[in-house]
Amino acid sequence: MSSLPEHTKRLLQMVATTVEDILDCDGCLERLPQFVEAVLVQTEIPPDLICVSIHLSQCECCREEFEIVVAAVSANPE
């Protein structure tokens, strides 16, 4: 029996741990400012923003946008 390639194992693990994304990209980006604020002040993520966290864990495009916003806000604190 042959061993599965590493990338196949990772894909299978991702499928097994996938949570249904209840938020689309537009909804995520709409809530992103509040999520970024909670992350930057290191408070517990409010229950109504958990869906943003889930979406960011599954969507590379939104995760990149989140990282850009965090970097911008961190570079220019008011």
C-alpha atoms as a PDB file:
ATOM      1  CA  MET A   1       0.000   0.000   0.000  1.00  0.00           C
ATOM      2  CA  SER A   2       1.442   3.354  -0.977  1.00  0.00           C
ATOM      3  CA  SER A   3       1.500   6.352   1.273  1.00  0.00           C
ATOM      4  CA  LEU A   4      -0.544   9.419   0.321  1.00  0.00           C
ATOM      5  CA  PRO A   5       1.459  12.444  -0.809  1.00  0.00           C
ATOM      6  CA  GLU A   6       1.732  15.156   1.836  1.00  0.00           C
ATOM      7  CA  HIS A   7      -0.412  17.652  -0.111  1.00  0.00           C
ATOM      8  CA  THR A   8      -3.197  15.054  -0.397  1.00  0.00           C
ATOM      9  CA  LYS A   9      -3.075  14.471   3.358  1.00  0.00           C
ATOM     10  CA  ARG A  10      -3.352  18.236   3.964  1.00  0.00           C
ATOM     11  CA  LEU A  11      -6.324  18.514   1.608  1.00  0.00           C
ATOM     12  CA  LEU A  12      -8.088  15.627   3.324  1.00  0.00           C
ATOM     13  CA  GLN A  13      -7.454  17.213   6.719  1.00  0.00           C
ATOM     14  CA  MET A  14      -8.847  20.545   5.482  1.00  0.00           C
ATOM     15  CA  VAL A  15     -11.997  18.833   4.182  1.00  0.00           C
ATOM     16  CA  ALA A  16     -12.450  16.951   7.441  1.00  0.00           C
ATOM     17  CA  THR A  17     -12.161  20.113   9.541  1.00  0.00           C
ATOM     18  CA  THR A  18     -14.114  22.460   7.292  1.00  0.00           C
ATOM     19  CA  VAL A  19     -16.883  24.387   8.989  1.00  0.00           C
ATOM     20  CA  GLU A  20     -19.748  25.668   6.915  1.00  0.00           C
ATOM     21  CA  ASP A  21     -19.004  29.293   6.108  1.00  0.00           C
ATOM     22  CA  ILE A  22     -22.125  31.225   7.079  1.00  0.00           C
ATOM     23  CA  LEU A  23     -20.679  34.516   5.867  1.00  0.00           C
ATOM     24  CA  ASP A  24     -19.833  35.517   2.316  1.00  0.00           C
ATOM     25  CA  CYS A  25     -16.939  37.794   1.361  1.00  0.00           C
ATOM     26  CA  ASP A  26     -19.096  40.940   1.224  1.00  0.00           C
ATOM     27  CA  GLY A  27     -20.443  40.257   4.707  1.00  0.00           C
ATOM     28  CA  CYS A  28     -16.959  39.554   6.001  1.00  0.00           C
ATOM     29  CA  LEU A  29     -15.509  42.768   4.597  1.00  0.00           C
ATOM     30  CA  GLU A  30     -18.465  44.726   5.977  1.00  0.00           C
ATOM     31  CA  ARG A  31     -17.668  43.492   9.508  1.00  0.00           C
ATOM     32  CA  LEU A  32     -13.888  43.609   9.108  1.00  0.00           C
ATOM     33  CA  PRO A  33     -13.351  47.006  10.837  1.00  0.00           C
ATOM     34  CA  GLN A  34     -15.017  45.795  14.047  1.00  0.00           C
ATOM     35  CA  PHE A  35     -13.100  42.509  13.883  1.00  0.00           C
ATOM     36  CA  VAL A  36      -9.768  44.291  13.362  1.00  0.00           C
ATOM     37  CA  GLU A  37     -10.489  46.567  16.318  1.00  0.00           C
ATOM     38  CA  ALA A  38     -11.223  43.589  18.573  1.00  0.00           C
ATOM     39  CA  VAL A  39      -8.038  41.843  17.444  1.00  0.00           C
ATOM     40  CA  LEU A  40      -5.841  44.912  17.901  1.00  0.00           C
ATOM     41  CA  VAL A  41      -7.093  45.689  21.404  1.00  0.00           C
ATOM     42  CA  GLN A  42      -6.750  41.986  22.192  1.00  0.00           C
ATOM     43  CA  THR A  43     -10.253  41.537  23.519  1.00  0.00           C
ATOM     44  CA  GLU A  44     -12.338  38.417  23.201  1.00  0.00           C
ATOM     45  CA  ILE A  45     -13.967  38.279  19.784  1.00  0.00           C
ATOM     46  CA  PRO A  46     -17.648  39.165  20.248  1.00  0.00           C
ATOM     47  CA  PRO A  47     -20.057  36.341  19.394  1.00  0.00           C
ATOM     48  CA  ASP A  48     -21.475  38.260  16.421  1.00  0.00           C
ATOM     49  CA  LEU A  49     -17.964  38.413  14.881  1.00  0.00           C
ATOM     50  CA  ILE A  50     -17.067  34.730  15.262  1.00  0.00           C
ATOM     51  CA  CYS A  51     -18.376  34.208  11.731  1.00  0.00           C
ATOM     52  CA  VAL A  52     -15.692  36.647  10.499  1.00  0.00           C
ATOM     53  CA  SER A  53     -13.009  34.588  12.187  1.00  0.00           C
ATOM     54  CA  ILE A  54     -14.361  31.407  10.585  1.00  0.00           C
ATOM     55  CA  HIS A  55     -14.544  33.062   7.171  1.00  0.00           C
ATOM     56  CA  LEU A  56     -10.986  34.379   7.442  1.00  0.00           C
ATOM     57  CA  SER A  57      -9.738  30.895   8.282  1.00  0.00           C
ATOM     58  CA  GLN A  58     -11.238  29.593   5.045  1.00  0.00           C
ATOM     59  CA  CYS A  59     -10.891  32.486   2.582  1.00  0.00           C
ATOM     60  CA  GLU A  60      -7.419  33.533   1.480  1.00  0.00           C
ATOM     61  CA  CYS A  61      -8.622  36.721  -0.250  1.00  0.00           C
ATOM     62  CA  CYS A  62     -10.380  38.074   2.829  1.00  0.00           C
ATOM     63  CA  ARG A  63      -7.520  36.949   5.071  1.00  0.00           C
ATOM     64  CA  GLU A  64      -5.103  38.970   2.911  1.00  0.00           C
ATOM     65  CA  GLU A  65      -7.403  42.006   3.179  1.00  0.00           C
ATOM     66  CA  PHE A  66      -7.510  41.557   6.956  1.00  0.00           C
ATOM     67  CA  GLU A  67      -3.708  41.432   7.122  1.00  0.00           C
ATOM     68  CA  ILE A  68      -3.433  44.579   4.992  1.00  0.00           C
ATOM     69  CA  VAL A  69      -5.858  46.466   7.235  1.00  0.00           C
ATOM     70  CA  VAL A  70      -4.094  45.319  10.424  1.00  0.00           C
ATOM     71  CA  ALA A  71      -0.714  46.373   9.003  1.00  0.00           C
ATOM     72  CA  ALA A  72      -2.070  49.770   7.931  1.00  0.00           C
ATOM     73  CA  VAL A  73      -3.719  50.482  11.262  1.00  0.00           C
ATOM     74  CA  SER A  74      -0.680  49.278  13.197  1.00  0.00           C
ATOM     75  CA  ALA A  75       1.617  51.506  11.151  1.00  0.00           C
ATOM     76  CA  ASN A  76      -0.552  54.591  11.722  1.00  0.00           C
ATOM     77  CA  PRO A  77      -1.951  54.449  15.269  1.00  0.00           C
ATOM     78  CA  GLU A  78      -4.080  57.446  16.176  1.00  0.00           C
END
